[in-house]
Amino acid sequence: MLNAIFPRRPPEVAASFHADDTDADIATLAAELMRSRRTVLPKRLGLPGPDAAQQQAMLEAAACAPDHGRLLPWRFVVVPMSARAALGEVFVESLIERDPDATAEQCAQAREKANRAPWLLLLVVDGACGDPAVDLLERVVSAGCAVQNVLLMATAQGFGSALTSGKALSSRYLKRLFGLRERERALCFVSIGTVLSNKPGRVRPDVSDFVSTLGDLPNSQF
C-alpha cells in the first residue's frame, strides 16, 4: 500500500504507518506528512536527487490538483544540469539590468544560485488558455495546489524541497530562455534534493490565527 509509494518517507512519518492501517490511520499519516514538510533552502540540498521514478511520482502527484474546467493552466519546466549555466547567466543579466553597479561578487552569487539543488523546476501559469471565465487567481490557486502536491511527495520520499522566487522571474531574459508566451507567468522555482543540513522548523500558525466565522467579524454586514 503506502509502503510501496513512499519507500524513503521521513522517520516521523514512517513511525506512524503500519501495514494494516485503517482509513483513520491513513488520515493520521497524511497529517503527519503535511506537518513534516519543511522548506530547506536550495544551498542545503545536495546529491543524490530523485531518480526518474521518483520524479515521475512527484509530477503525477501534481496532476491531482484541482483544476476548474480542466484547463491545465500550469506547467513545470525541468532545468537539467546542462542548462544551469544558461540559467546562471540569466540571473546575472537580470541583476545587472536592475543594478548596473552590481559587483563581480554579487554577479558570482547570482550565477551560483542556478547550480544548487540536484533537481530544479520552474512553475509556469498560463493566464489565458481555455475558458477566459476562469480567473487568473483561480489558475494560480490550481498551480499552488499542484506544487504543494509535488512538495508533499518529495517529503514522503525523504527529500528536502523549497520554493524560491525573486525579481529575475519577471525579467525578459528569463522569459526568453524559457520561451514564455505573453500570457504566461513564471511563478517560482522548485528545488528538490537530499538534505545536507537542516534547521529547526518554523512555528506553525494556530488555526485561530487564520480562521474566523461570518457574523463574528467587526465589519461584517451579516
N, C-alpha and C. Protein backbone atom coordinates (compact mmCIF):
# COMPACT_ATOMS: atom_id res chain seq x y z
N MET A 1 0.85 -1.19 0.00
CA MET A 1 0.00 0.00 0.00
C MET A 1 0.89 1.24 0.00
N LEU A 2 0.79 2.10 1.04
CA LEU A 2 1.60 3.31 1.04
C LEU A 2 3.08 3.02 1.23
N ASN A 3 3.40 1.84 1.76
CA ASN A 3 4.82 1.47 1.87
C ASN A 3 5.51 1.48 0.53
N ALA A 4 4.81 1.01 -0.50
CA ALA A 4 5.40 0.95 -1.83
C ALA A 4 5.50 2.32 -2.47
N ILE A 5 4.60 3.21 -2.10
CA ILE A 5 4.59 4.55 -2.69
C ILE A 5 5.64 5.44 -2.05
N PHE A 6 5.82 5.30 -0.74
CA PHE A 6 6.71 6.18 0.00
C PHE A 6 7.87 5.39 0.60
N PRO A 7 8.76 4.80 -0.23
CA PRO A 7 9.82 3.95 0.31
C PRO A 7 10.85 4.70 1.14
N ARG A 8 11.00 6.03 0.94
CA ARG A 8 12.02 6.78 1.67
C ARG A 8 11.39 7.84 2.56
N ARG A 9 10.18 7.59 3.03
CA ARG A 9 9.50 8.62 3.82
C ARG A 9 10.27 8.92 5.10
N PRO A 10 10.13 10.13 5.63
CA PRO A 10 10.86 10.52 6.83
C PRO A 10 10.51 9.62 8.01
N PRO A 11 11.44 9.45 8.97
CA PRO A 11 11.20 8.57 10.11
C PRO A 11 9.94 8.91 10.88
N GLU A 12 9.66 10.23 11.05
CA GLU A 12 8.48 10.60 11.83
C GLU A 12 7.20 10.21 11.12
N VAL A 13 7.25 10.11 9.78
CA VAL A 13 6.09 9.65 9.03
C VAL A 13 6.03 8.13 9.06
N ALA A 14 7.18 7.49 8.87
CA ALA A 14 7.22 6.03 8.85
C ALA A 14 6.76 5.44 10.17
N ALA A 15 7.07 6.11 11.27
CA ALA A 15 6.73 5.59 12.58
C ALA A 15 5.23 5.47 12.78
N SER A 16 4.46 6.26 12.04
CA SER A 16 3.02 6.26 12.23
C SER A 16 2.31 5.31 11.28
N PHE A 17 3.07 4.57 10.46
CA PHE A 17 2.46 3.72 9.44
C PHE A 17 2.59 2.25 9.78
N HIS A 18 1.52 1.48 9.55
CA HIS A 18 1.52 0.04 9.72
C HIS A 18 0.78 -0.58 8.54
N ALA A 19 1.13 -1.80 8.21
CA ALA A 19 0.57 -2.45 7.02
C ALA A 19 -0.94 -2.60 7.10
N ASP A 20 -1.48 -2.71 8.30
CA ASP A 20 -2.93 -2.92 8.44
C ASP A 20 -3.67 -1.63 8.77
N ASP A 21 -3.13 -0.52 8.29
CA ASP A 21 -3.74 0.78 8.57
C ASP A 21 -5.20 0.84 8.14
N THR A 22 -6.02 1.45 8.97
CA THR A 22 -7.39 1.75 8.61
C THR A 22 -7.41 3.12 7.94
N ASP A 23 -8.60 3.52 7.48
CA ASP A 23 -8.72 4.85 6.88
C ASP A 23 -8.29 5.94 7.87
N ALA A 24 -8.64 5.75 9.14
CA ALA A 24 -8.27 6.73 10.15
C ALA A 24 -6.75 6.80 10.30
N ASP A 25 -6.09 5.65 10.22
CA ASP A 25 -4.63 5.64 10.32
C ASP A 25 -4.00 6.36 9.13
N ILE A 26 -4.59 6.15 7.95
CA ILE A 26 -4.07 6.80 6.76
C ILE A 26 -4.25 8.31 6.86
N ALA A 27 -5.38 8.74 7.44
CA ALA A 27 -5.59 10.17 7.66
C ALA A 27 -4.53 10.73 8.60
N THR A 28 -4.19 9.95 9.62
CA THR A 28 -3.14 10.37 10.55
C THR A 28 -1.81 10.47 9.84
N LEU A 29 -1.51 9.49 8.99
CA LEU A 29 -0.28 9.51 8.21
C LEU A 29 -0.22 10.74 7.31
N ALA A 30 -1.35 11.05 6.67
CA ALA A 30 -1.39 12.22 5.79
C ALA A 30 -1.12 13.50 6.59
N ALA A 31 -1.71 13.58 7.79
CA ALA A 31 -1.50 14.75 8.64
C ALA A 31 -0.03 14.86 9.04
N GLU A 32 0.58 13.74 9.40
CA GLU A 32 1.99 13.75 9.78
C GLU A 32 2.88 14.14 8.60
N LEU A 33 2.50 13.68 7.41
CA LEU A 33 3.26 14.03 6.22
C LEU A 33 3.23 15.54 5.99
N MET A 34 2.06 16.13 6.10
CA MET A 34 1.95 17.58 5.90
C MET A 34 2.70 18.34 6.97
N ARG A 35 2.63 17.86 8.20
CA ARG A 35 3.34 18.55 9.29
C ARG A 35 4.86 18.43 9.14
N SER A 36 5.31 17.35 8.54
CA SER A 36 6.75 17.13 8.43
C SER A 36 7.38 17.88 7.27
N ARG A 37 6.56 18.40 6.37
CA ARG A 37 7.13 19.16 5.25
C ARG A 37 7.78 20.43 5.77
N ARG A 38 8.99 20.67 5.34
CA ARG A 38 9.74 21.86 5.74
C ARG A 38 10.41 22.45 4.50
N THR A 39 10.58 23.76 4.51
CA THR A 39 11.36 24.40 3.46
C THR A 39 12.84 24.26 3.80
N VAL A 40 13.57 23.65 2.89
CA VAL A 40 15.02 23.50 3.04
C VAL A 40 15.66 24.31 1.91
N LEU A 41 16.37 25.35 2.24
CA LEU A 41 16.92 26.24 1.23
C LEU A 41 17.78 25.47 0.22
N PRO A 42 17.74 25.87 -1.05
CA PRO A 42 18.50 25.15 -2.09
C PRO A 42 19.98 24.96 -1.77
N LYS A 43 20.59 25.90 -1.07
CA LYS A 43 22.02 25.77 -0.75
C LYS A 43 22.28 24.64 0.22
N ARG A 44 21.22 24.12 0.85
CA ARG A 44 21.36 22.99 1.78
C ARG A 44 20.81 21.70 1.19
N LEU A 45 20.61 21.68 -0.13
CA LEU A 45 20.15 20.48 -0.83
C LEU A 45 21.26 19.97 -1.73
N GLY A 46 21.52 18.67 -1.66
CA GLY A 46 22.59 18.11 -2.48
C GLY A 46 22.23 16.75 -3.04
N LEU A 47 23.22 16.08 -3.57
CA LEU A 47 23.03 14.75 -4.14
C LEU A 47 22.91 13.71 -3.02
N PRO A 48 22.19 12.62 -3.27
CA PRO A 48 21.51 12.32 -4.54
C PRO A 48 20.17 13.03 -4.65
N GLY A 49 19.81 13.35 -5.87
CA GLY A 49 18.48 13.88 -6.14
C GLY A 49 17.54 12.73 -6.45
N PRO A 50 16.28 13.03 -6.68
CA PRO A 50 15.32 11.97 -7.01
C PRO A 50 15.66 11.31 -8.34
N ASP A 51 15.45 10.00 -8.41
CA ASP A 51 15.68 9.31 -9.67
C ASP A 51 14.46 9.48 -10.58
N ALA A 52 14.51 8.89 -11.75
CA ALA A 52 13.45 9.11 -12.74
C ALA A 52 12.09 8.67 -12.22
N ALA A 53 12.04 7.53 -11.51
CA ALA A 53 10.76 7.03 -11.00
C ALA A 53 10.21 7.95 -9.92
N GLN A 54 11.09 8.46 -9.07
CA GLN A 54 10.65 9.37 -8.01
C GLN A 54 10.18 10.70 -8.59
N GLN A 55 10.88 11.19 -9.60
CA GLN A 55 10.45 12.41 -10.27
C GLN A 55 9.07 12.22 -10.89
N GLN A 56 8.87 11.08 -11.53
CA GLN A 56 7.58 10.79 -12.15
C GLN A 56 6.48 10.77 -11.11
N ALA A 57 6.75 10.19 -9.94
CA ALA A 57 5.74 10.13 -8.88
C ALA A 57 5.37 11.53 -8.40
N MET A 58 6.36 12.41 -8.30
CA MET A 58 6.08 13.79 -7.87
C MET A 58 5.22 14.51 -8.89
N LEU A 59 5.54 14.35 -10.16
CA LEU A 59 4.78 15.04 -11.21
C LEU A 59 3.38 14.45 -11.35
N GLU A 60 3.24 13.16 -11.12
CA GLU A 60 1.90 12.56 -11.15
C GLU A 60 1.07 13.08 -9.98
N ALA A 61 1.72 13.37 -8.86
CA ALA A 61 1.01 13.97 -7.73
C ALA A 61 0.47 15.35 -8.11
N ALA A 62 1.26 16.10 -8.88
CA ALA A 62 0.83 17.43 -9.32
C ALA A 62 -0.47 17.34 -10.13
N ALA A 63 -0.61 16.26 -10.89
CA ALA A 63 -1.78 16.11 -11.75
C ALA A 63 -3.07 15.95 -10.95
N CYS A 64 -2.96 15.70 -9.64
CA CYS A 64 -4.15 15.53 -8.79
C CYS A 64 -4.69 16.86 -8.28
N ALA A 65 -4.07 17.96 -8.64
CA ALA A 65 -4.51 19.28 -8.16
C ALA A 65 -5.88 19.64 -8.74
N PRO A 66 -6.70 20.38 -7.99
CA PRO A 66 -7.98 20.85 -8.54
C PRO A 66 -7.75 21.75 -9.74
N ASP A 67 -8.60 21.63 -10.73
CA ASP A 67 -8.40 22.36 -11.99
C ASP A 67 -9.77 22.66 -12.60
N HIS A 68 -10.32 23.83 -12.29
CA HIS A 68 -11.63 24.25 -12.77
C HIS A 68 -11.66 24.25 -14.29
N GLY A 69 -12.56 23.49 -14.85
CA GLY A 69 -12.70 23.45 -16.30
C GLY A 69 -11.68 22.57 -16.99
N ARG A 70 -10.84 21.91 -16.20
CA ARG A 70 -9.79 21.04 -16.75
C ARG A 70 -8.96 21.80 -17.80
N LEU A 71 -8.56 22.99 -17.44
CA LEU A 71 -7.79 23.84 -18.36
C LEU A 71 -6.30 23.47 -18.37
N LEU A 72 -5.84 22.84 -17.32
CA LEU A 72 -4.40 22.63 -17.10
C LEU A 72 -3.66 23.96 -17.36
N PRO A 73 -3.91 24.96 -16.49
CA PRO A 73 -3.35 26.30 -16.73
C PRO A 73 -1.93 26.48 -16.22
N TRP A 74 -1.28 25.41 -15.85
CA TRP A 74 0.09 25.50 -15.33
C TRP A 74 0.93 24.37 -15.92
N ARG A 75 2.22 24.56 -15.85
CA ARG A 75 3.15 23.54 -16.32
C ARG A 75 4.48 23.68 -15.58
N PHE A 76 5.23 22.60 -15.55
CA PHE A 76 6.56 22.60 -14.95
C PHE A 76 7.61 22.46 -16.06
N VAL A 77 8.69 23.18 -15.93
CA VAL A 77 9.82 23.06 -16.85
C VAL A 77 11.02 22.58 -16.04
N VAL A 78 11.53 21.40 -16.37
CA VAL A 78 12.71 20.87 -15.70
C VAL A 78 13.95 21.60 -16.22
N VAL A 79 14.82 21.98 -15.30
CA VAL A 79 16.08 22.64 -15.67
C VAL A 79 17.21 21.66 -15.41
N PRO A 80 17.67 20.93 -16.43
CA PRO A 80 18.74 19.94 -16.23
C PRO A 80 20.07 20.62 -15.95
N MET A 81 21.02 19.85 -15.48
CA MET A 81 22.35 20.40 -15.18
C MET A 81 22.98 21.04 -16.42
N SER A 82 22.68 20.49 -17.58
CA SER A 82 23.26 21.02 -18.81
C SER A 82 22.77 22.43 -19.13
N ALA A 83 21.66 22.86 -18.50
CA ALA A 83 21.10 24.18 -18.75
C ALA A 83 21.35 25.15 -17.59
N ARG A 84 22.03 24.68 -16.55
CA ARG A 84 22.21 25.55 -15.38
C ARG A 84 23.10 26.75 -15.68
N ALA A 85 24.12 26.58 -16.53
CA ALA A 85 24.99 27.71 -16.86
C ALA A 85 24.20 28.81 -17.54
N ALA A 86 23.31 28.42 -18.46
CA ALA A 86 22.48 29.42 -19.15
C ALA A 86 21.56 30.12 -18.17
N LEU A 87 21.00 29.38 -17.21
CA LEU A 87 20.13 29.99 -16.21
C LEU A 87 20.94 30.94 -15.33
N GLY A 88 22.16 30.55 -14.99
CA GLY A 88 23.01 31.42 -14.18
C GLY A 88 23.29 32.74 -14.87
N GLU A 89 23.50 32.70 -16.16
CA GLU A 89 23.73 33.94 -16.90
C GLU A 89 22.48 34.81 -16.93
N VAL A 90 21.31 34.17 -16.99
CA VAL A 90 20.06 34.93 -16.93
C VAL A 90 19.95 35.65 -15.59
N PHE A 91 20.32 34.97 -14.51
CA PHE A 91 20.29 35.61 -13.19
C PHE A 91 21.22 36.81 -13.16
N VAL A 92 22.39 36.68 -13.77
CA VAL A 92 23.34 37.79 -13.80
C VAL A 92 22.82 38.94 -14.65
N GLU A 93 22.30 38.62 -15.83
CA GLU A 93 21.77 39.67 -16.71
C GLU A 93 20.62 40.41 -16.05
N SER A 94 19.78 39.66 -15.35
CA SER A 94 18.65 40.29 -14.66
C SER A 94 19.15 41.20 -13.55
N LEU A 95 20.17 40.76 -12.82
CA LEU A 95 20.73 41.57 -11.74
C LEU A 95 21.32 42.86 -12.30
N ILE A 96 22.10 42.76 -13.36
CA ILE A 96 22.76 43.94 -13.92
C ILE A 96 21.73 44.92 -14.49
N GLU A 97 20.64 44.40 -15.04
CA GLU A 97 19.60 45.29 -15.55
C GLU A 97 18.97 46.08 -14.41
N ARG A 98 18.80 45.45 -13.26
CA ARG A 98 18.22 46.13 -12.09
C ARG A 98 19.25 47.03 -11.41
N ASP A 99 20.51 46.58 -11.43
CA ASP A 99 21.57 47.31 -10.73
C ASP A 99 22.85 47.29 -11.59
N PRO A 100 23.00 48.29 -12.45
CA PRO A 100 24.19 48.35 -13.32
C PRO A 100 25.51 48.39 -12.56
N ASP A 101 25.45 48.74 -11.28
CA ASP A 101 26.66 48.84 -10.48
C ASP A 101 26.93 47.56 -9.67
N ALA A 102 26.23 46.49 -9.99
CA ALA A 102 26.43 45.23 -9.26
C ALA A 102 27.90 44.81 -9.37
N THR A 103 28.46 44.36 -8.26
CA THR A 103 29.87 43.97 -8.22
C THR A 103 30.07 42.57 -8.81
N ALA A 104 31.32 42.25 -9.07
CA ALA A 104 31.64 40.92 -9.59
C ALA A 104 31.23 39.84 -8.59
N GLU A 105 31.37 40.15 -7.30
CA GLU A 105 30.98 39.19 -6.26
C GLU A 105 29.47 38.96 -6.28
N GLN A 106 28.71 40.03 -6.43
CA GLN A 106 27.25 39.90 -6.49
C GLN A 106 26.83 39.10 -7.73
N CYS A 107 27.51 39.32 -8.83
CA CYS A 107 27.20 38.57 -10.05
C CYS A 107 27.52 37.09 -9.87
N ALA A 108 28.62 36.81 -9.20
CA ALA A 108 29.00 35.41 -8.95
C ALA A 108 27.98 34.74 -8.06
N GLN A 109 27.48 35.46 -7.06
CA GLN A 109 26.47 34.90 -6.17
C GLN A 109 25.18 34.63 -6.93
N ALA A 110 24.81 35.53 -7.83
CA ALA A 110 23.60 35.34 -8.63
C ALA A 110 23.76 34.13 -9.54
N ARG A 111 24.92 33.99 -10.14
CA ARG A 111 25.18 32.87 -11.06
C ARG A 111 25.15 31.54 -10.30
N GLU A 112 25.69 31.53 -9.11
CA GLU A 112 25.79 30.30 -8.33
C GLU A 112 24.43 29.74 -7.93
N LYS A 113 23.43 30.60 -7.82
CA LYS A 113 22.10 30.15 -7.41
C LYS A 113 21.49 29.14 -8.38
N ALA A 114 21.96 29.15 -9.61
CA ALA A 114 21.40 28.23 -10.61
C ALA A 114 21.93 26.81 -10.45
N ASN A 115 22.94 26.62 -9.61
CA ASN A 115 23.64 25.33 -9.55
C ASN A 115 23.48 24.61 -8.22
N ARG A 116 22.45 24.92 -7.49
CA ARG A 116 22.35 24.38 -6.13
C ARG A 116 21.64 23.03 -6.06
N ALA A 117 20.36 22.99 -6.20
CA ALA A 117 19.60 21.74 -5.98
C ALA A 117 19.81 20.76 -7.12
N PRO A 118 19.86 19.45 -6.82
CA PRO A 118 20.01 18.45 -7.88
C PRO A 118 18.88 18.45 -8.89
N TRP A 119 17.64 18.64 -8.41
CA TRP A 119 16.50 18.67 -9.32
C TRP A 119 15.83 20.03 -9.21
N LEU A 120 15.74 20.73 -10.33
CA LEU A 120 15.22 22.09 -10.35
C LEU A 120 14.14 22.21 -11.42
N LEU A 121 13.03 22.82 -11.04
CA LEU A 121 11.93 23.03 -11.97
C LEU A 121 11.46 24.47 -11.88
N LEU A 122 10.89 24.96 -12.96
CA LEU A 122 10.22 26.26 -12.97
C LEU A 122 8.73 26.01 -13.13
N LEU A 123 7.92 26.64 -12.28
CA LEU A 123 6.47 26.54 -12.36
C LEU A 123 5.93 27.74 -13.13
N VAL A 124 5.18 27.46 -14.18
CA VAL A 124 4.65 28.50 -15.06
C VAL A 124 3.14 28.40 -15.08
N VAL A 125 2.44 29.54 -15.01
CA VAL A 125 0.98 29.55 -15.10
C VAL A 125 0.56 30.31 -16.35
N ASP A 126 -0.46 29.79 -17.02
CA ASP A 126 -1.00 30.40 -18.24
C ASP A 126 -2.27 31.16 -17.86
N GLY A 127 -2.27 32.46 -18.09
CA GLY A 127 -3.40 33.29 -17.69
C GLY A 127 -4.53 33.36 -18.68
N ALA A 128 -4.40 32.69 -19.83
CA ALA A 128 -5.43 32.87 -20.87
C ALA A 128 -5.85 31.60 -21.58
N CYS A 129 -5.25 30.45 -21.29
CA CYS A 129 -5.62 29.24 -22.03
C CYS A 129 -7.04 28.79 -21.65
N GLY A 130 -7.72 28.21 -22.60
CA GLY A 130 -9.03 27.66 -22.32
C GLY A 130 -10.10 28.69 -22.04
N ASP A 131 -10.92 28.44 -21.06
CA ASP A 131 -12.08 29.26 -20.74
C ASP A 131 -11.65 30.60 -20.13
N PRO A 132 -11.90 31.73 -20.78
CA PRO A 132 -11.49 33.03 -20.23
C PRO A 132 -12.25 33.40 -18.96
N ALA A 133 -13.36 32.69 -18.68
CA ALA A 133 -14.12 32.97 -17.47
C ALA A 133 -13.41 32.49 -16.21
N VAL A 134 -12.43 31.61 -16.38
CA VAL A 134 -11.66 31.14 -15.22
C VAL A 134 -10.58 32.17 -14.92
N ASP A 135 -10.76 32.87 -13.82
CA ASP A 135 -9.90 33.99 -13.45
C ASP A 135 -8.45 33.55 -13.22
N LEU A 136 -7.52 34.49 -13.43
CA LEU A 136 -6.10 34.22 -13.24
C LEU A 136 -5.82 33.73 -11.83
N LEU A 137 -6.47 34.34 -10.83
CA LEU A 137 -6.22 33.93 -9.45
C LEU A 137 -6.61 32.48 -9.23
N GLU A 138 -7.67 32.04 -9.87
CA GLU A 138 -8.09 30.65 -9.75
C GLU A 138 -7.06 29.72 -10.38
N ARG A 139 -6.46 30.17 -11.45
CA ARG A 139 -5.41 29.39 -12.11
C ARG A 139 -4.17 29.30 -11.22
N VAL A 140 -3.86 30.40 -10.56
CA VAL A 140 -2.70 30.41 -9.67
C VAL A 140 -2.95 29.48 -8.47
N VAL A 141 -4.17 29.48 -7.96
CA VAL A 141 -4.51 28.56 -6.87
C VAL A 141 -4.30 27.12 -7.30
N SER A 142 -4.75 26.79 -8.52
CA SER A 142 -4.56 25.45 -9.04
C SER A 142 -3.07 25.11 -9.12
N ALA A 143 -2.28 26.06 -9.60
CA ALA A 143 -0.82 25.85 -9.68
C ALA A 143 -0.24 25.65 -8.29
N GLY A 144 -0.74 26.41 -7.31
CA GLY A 144 -0.25 26.27 -5.94
C GLY A 144 -0.55 24.89 -5.38
N CYS A 145 -1.74 24.38 -5.68
CA CYS A 145 -2.10 23.03 -5.23
C CYS A 145 -1.20 21.99 -5.89
N ALA A 146 -0.91 22.20 -7.16
CA ALA A 146 -0.06 21.25 -7.89
C ALA A 146 1.34 21.21 -7.29
N VAL A 147 1.91 22.37 -7.00
CA VAL A 147 3.27 22.39 -6.48
C VAL A 147 3.30 21.89 -5.04
N GLN A 148 2.25 22.12 -4.27
CA GLN A 148 2.20 21.56 -2.91
C GLN A 148 2.19 20.04 -2.96
N ASN A 149 1.47 19.48 -3.92
CA ASN A 149 1.47 18.02 -4.08
C ASN A 149 2.88 17.51 -4.39
N VAL A 150 3.61 18.25 -5.22
CA VAL A 150 4.99 17.87 -5.53
C VAL A 150 5.84 17.90 -4.26
N LEU A 151 5.70 18.95 -3.46
CA LEU A 151 6.48 19.08 -2.23
C LEU A 151 6.15 17.97 -1.24
N LEU A 152 4.88 17.63 -1.14
CA LEU A 152 4.48 16.56 -0.21
C LEU A 152 5.01 15.21 -0.65
N MET A 153 4.97 14.96 -1.96
CA MET A 153 5.52 13.70 -2.46
C MET A 153 7.03 13.65 -2.25
N ALA A 154 7.69 14.78 -2.45
CA ALA A 154 9.13 14.84 -2.19
C ALA A 154 9.43 14.54 -0.72
N THR A 155 8.64 15.11 0.18
CA THR A 155 8.79 14.84 1.61
C THR A 155 8.56 13.38 1.91
N ALA A 156 7.52 12.80 1.31
CA ALA A 156 7.21 11.39 1.54
C ALA A 156 8.34 10.49 1.08
N GLN A 157 9.08 10.91 0.08
CA GLN A 157 10.19 10.12 -0.45
C GLN A 157 11.50 10.39 0.28
N GLY A 158 11.46 11.29 1.25
CA GLY A 158 12.64 11.55 2.05
C GLY A 158 13.52 12.69 1.58
N PHE A 159 13.05 13.48 0.63
CA PHE A 159 13.84 14.59 0.10
C PHE A 159 13.45 15.91 0.76
N GLY A 160 14.36 16.87 0.69
CA GLY A 160 14.06 18.23 1.09
C GLY A 160 13.65 19.03 -0.13
N SER A 161 12.96 20.13 0.11
CA SER A 161 12.47 20.92 -1.02
C SER A 161 12.28 22.37 -0.62
N ALA A 162 12.17 23.22 -1.63
CA ALA A 162 11.96 24.65 -1.39
C ALA A 162 11.34 25.29 -2.61
N LEU A 163 10.56 26.33 -2.38
CA LEU A 163 10.08 27.20 -3.44
C LEU A 163 10.85 28.50 -3.32
N THR A 164 11.37 28.99 -4.44
CA THR A 164 12.09 30.27 -4.44
C THR A 164 11.57 31.14 -5.57
N SER A 165 11.60 32.44 -5.32
CA SER A 165 11.14 33.39 -6.33
C SER A 165 12.23 34.43 -6.54
N GLY A 166 11.85 35.66 -6.73
CA GLY A 166 12.83 36.71 -6.95
C GLY A 166 12.51 37.54 -8.17
N LYS A 167 13.17 38.67 -8.29
CA LYS A 167 12.89 39.60 -9.38
C LYS A 167 13.25 39.05 -10.75
N ALA A 168 14.17 38.09 -10.80
CA ALA A 168 14.56 37.53 -12.09
C ALA A 168 13.41 36.80 -12.78
N LEU A 169 12.42 36.37 -12.00
CA LEU A 169 11.29 35.64 -12.58
C LEU A 169 10.52 36.47 -13.61
N SER A 170 10.52 37.76 -13.43
CA SER A 170 9.77 38.63 -14.35
C SER A 170 10.67 39.29 -15.39
N SER A 171 11.93 38.90 -15.43
CA SER A 171 12.85 39.54 -16.37
C SER A 171 12.66 39.03 -17.79
N ARG A 172 12.96 39.87 -18.74
CA ARG A 172 12.84 39.48 -20.15
C ARG A 172 13.84 38.39 -20.51
N TYR A 173 14.94 38.33 -19.78
CA TYR A 173 15.95 37.32 -20.07
C TYR A 173 15.43 35.92 -19.70
N LEU A 174 14.77 35.83 -18.55
CA LEU A 174 14.23 34.53 -18.15
C LEU A 174 13.09 34.12 -19.07
N LYS A 175 12.23 35.07 -19.43
CA LYS A 175 11.13 34.75 -20.33
C LYS A 175 11.64 34.25 -21.67
N ARG A 176 12.74 34.84 -22.13
CA ARG A 176 13.33 34.42 -23.41
C ARG A 176 13.96 33.03 -23.29
N LEU A 177 14.68 32.78 -22.20
CA LEU A 177 15.33 31.48 -22.02
C LEU A 177 14.31 30.35 -22.00
N PHE A 178 13.18 30.57 -21.30
CA PHE A 178 12.18 29.52 -21.16
C PHE A 178 11.11 29.57 -22.24
N GLY A 179 11.22 30.53 -23.14
CA GLY A 179 10.26 30.62 -24.23
C GLY A 179 8.83 30.89 -23.76
N LEU A 180 8.70 31.71 -22.71
CA LEU A 180 7.38 32.00 -22.17
C LEU A 180 6.60 32.91 -23.12
N ARG A 181 5.33 32.57 -23.29
CA ARG A 181 4.46 33.39 -24.12
C ARG A 181 3.96 34.59 -23.32
N GLU A 182 3.40 35.55 -24.02
CA GLU A 182 2.96 36.79 -23.39
C GLU A 182 1.98 36.52 -22.25
N ARG A 183 1.16 35.50 -22.42
CA ARG A 183 0.11 35.22 -21.43
C ARG A 183 0.61 34.39 -20.26
N GLU A 184 1.88 33.95 -20.30
CA GLU A 184 2.42 33.08 -19.27
C GLU A 184 3.25 33.85 -18.25
N ARG A 185 3.21 33.36 -17.00
CA ARG A 185 3.99 33.96 -15.93
C ARG A 185 4.78 32.88 -15.21
N ALA A 186 6.04 33.18 -14.92
CA ALA A 186 6.85 32.28 -14.11
C ALA A 186 6.51 32.55 -12.64
N LEU A 187 6.03 31.52 -11.93
CA LEU A 187 5.60 31.71 -10.55
C LEU A 187 6.74 31.51 -9.55
N CYS A 188 7.48 30.42 -9.71
CA CYS A 188 8.54 30.12 -8.76
C CYS A 188 9.40 28.98 -9.27
N PHE A 189 10.56 28.85 -8.67
CA PHE A 189 11.40 27.68 -8.89
C PHE A 189 11.12 26.67 -7.80
N VAL A 190 11.23 25.39 -8.14
CA VAL A 190 11.06 24.30 -7.19
C VAL A 190 12.38 23.55 -7.11
N SER A 191 12.97 23.51 -5.94
CA SER A 191 14.26 22.84 -5.74
C SER A 191 14.06 21.61 -4.87
N ILE A 192 14.64 20.47 -5.30
CA ILE A 192 14.47 19.21 -4.57
C ILE A 192 15.79 18.46 -4.54
N GLY A 193 16.12 17.91 -3.38
CA GLY A 193 17.34 17.13 -3.24
C GLY A 193 17.46 16.55 -1.85
N THR A 194 18.58 15.93 -1.59
CA THR A 194 18.84 15.37 -0.27
C THR A 194 19.25 16.48 0.68
N VAL A 195 18.71 16.44 1.88
CA VAL A 195 19.00 17.47 2.88
C VAL A 195 20.42 17.27 3.41
N LEU A 196 21.28 18.27 3.21
CA LEU A 196 22.65 18.22 3.69
C LEU A 196 22.77 18.74 5.11
N SER A 197 21.98 19.72 5.43
CA SER A 197 21.92 20.27 6.79
C SER A 197 20.54 20.86 6.97
N ASN A 198 20.09 20.88 8.19
CA ASN A 198 18.73 21.33 8.44
C ASN A 198 18.69 22.30 9.61
N LYS A 199 17.63 23.04 9.68
CA LYS A 199 17.38 23.94 10.79
C LYS A 199 16.03 23.58 11.40
N PRO A 200 15.81 23.95 12.65
CA PRO A 200 14.50 23.66 13.25
C PRO A 200 13.38 24.28 12.43
N GLY A 201 12.29 23.56 12.28
CA GLY A 201 11.16 24.07 11.52
C GLY A 201 10.53 25.27 12.21
N ARG A 202 9.96 26.13 11.42
CA ARG A 202 9.33 27.32 12.00
C ARG A 202 8.06 26.92 12.75
N VAL A 203 7.66 27.76 13.66
CA VAL A 203 6.43 27.52 14.41
C VAL A 203 5.24 27.73 13.48
N ARG A 204 4.37 26.75 13.39
CA ARG A 204 3.21 26.87 12.52
C ARG A 204 2.17 27.78 13.18
N PRO A 205 1.41 28.53 12.39
CA PRO A 205 0.37 29.37 12.98
C PRO A 205 -0.74 28.51 13.58
N ASP A 206 -1.36 29.02 14.61
CA ASP A 206 -2.51 28.35 15.21
C ASP A 206 -3.72 28.54 14.30
N VAL A 207 -4.61 27.55 14.30
CA VAL A 207 -5.80 27.65 13.45
C VAL A 207 -6.57 28.93 13.72
N SER A 208 -6.62 29.34 14.96
CA SER A 208 -7.37 30.55 15.31
C SER A 208 -6.76 31.81 14.70
N ASP A 209 -5.50 31.72 14.25
CA ASP A 209 -4.83 32.87 13.64
C ASP A 209 -5.34 33.15 12.22
N PHE A 210 -5.94 32.14 11.58
CA PHE A 210 -6.35 32.36 10.19
C PHE A 210 -7.77 31.90 9.89
N VAL A 211 -8.55 31.58 10.92
CA VAL A 211 -9.94 31.17 10.69
C VAL A 211 -10.87 32.04 11.53
N SER A 212 -11.93 32.52 10.90
CA SER A 212 -12.96 33.29 11.61
C SER A 212 -14.33 32.80 11.14
N THR A 213 -15.38 33.29 11.75
CA THR A 213 -16.74 32.89 11.42
C THR A 213 -17.54 34.09 10.97
N LEU A 214 -18.21 33.95 9.85
CA LEU A 214 -19.04 35.04 9.35
C LEU A 214 -20.07 35.42 10.44
N GLY A 215 -20.15 36.69 10.73
CA GLY A 215 -21.04 37.16 11.78
C GLY A 215 -20.27 37.62 13.00
N ASP A 216 -19.06 37.05 13.17
CA ASP A 216 -18.22 37.45 14.29
C ASP A 216 -17.23 38.55 13.93
N LEU A 217 -17.14 38.86 12.63
CA LEU A 217 -16.18 39.86 12.19
C LEU A 217 -16.68 41.26 12.52
N PRO A 218 -15.81 42.16 12.96
CA PRO A 218 -16.23 43.51 13.38
C PRO A 218 -16.89 44.33 12.28
N ASN A 219 -16.45 44.14 11.03
CA ASN A 219 -17.01 44.93 9.92
C ASN A 219 -18.01 44.16 9.09
N SER A 220 -18.39 42.99 9.54
CA SER A 220 -19.32 42.15 8.78
C SER A 220 -20.70 42.76 8.74
N GLN A 221 -21.37 42.66 7.58
CA GLN A 221 -22.73 43.17 7.42
C GLN A 221 -23.76 42.05 7.60
N PHE A 222 -23.32 40.90 8.09
CA PHE A 222 -24.20 39.75 8.24
C PHE A 222 -25.27 40.02 9.29
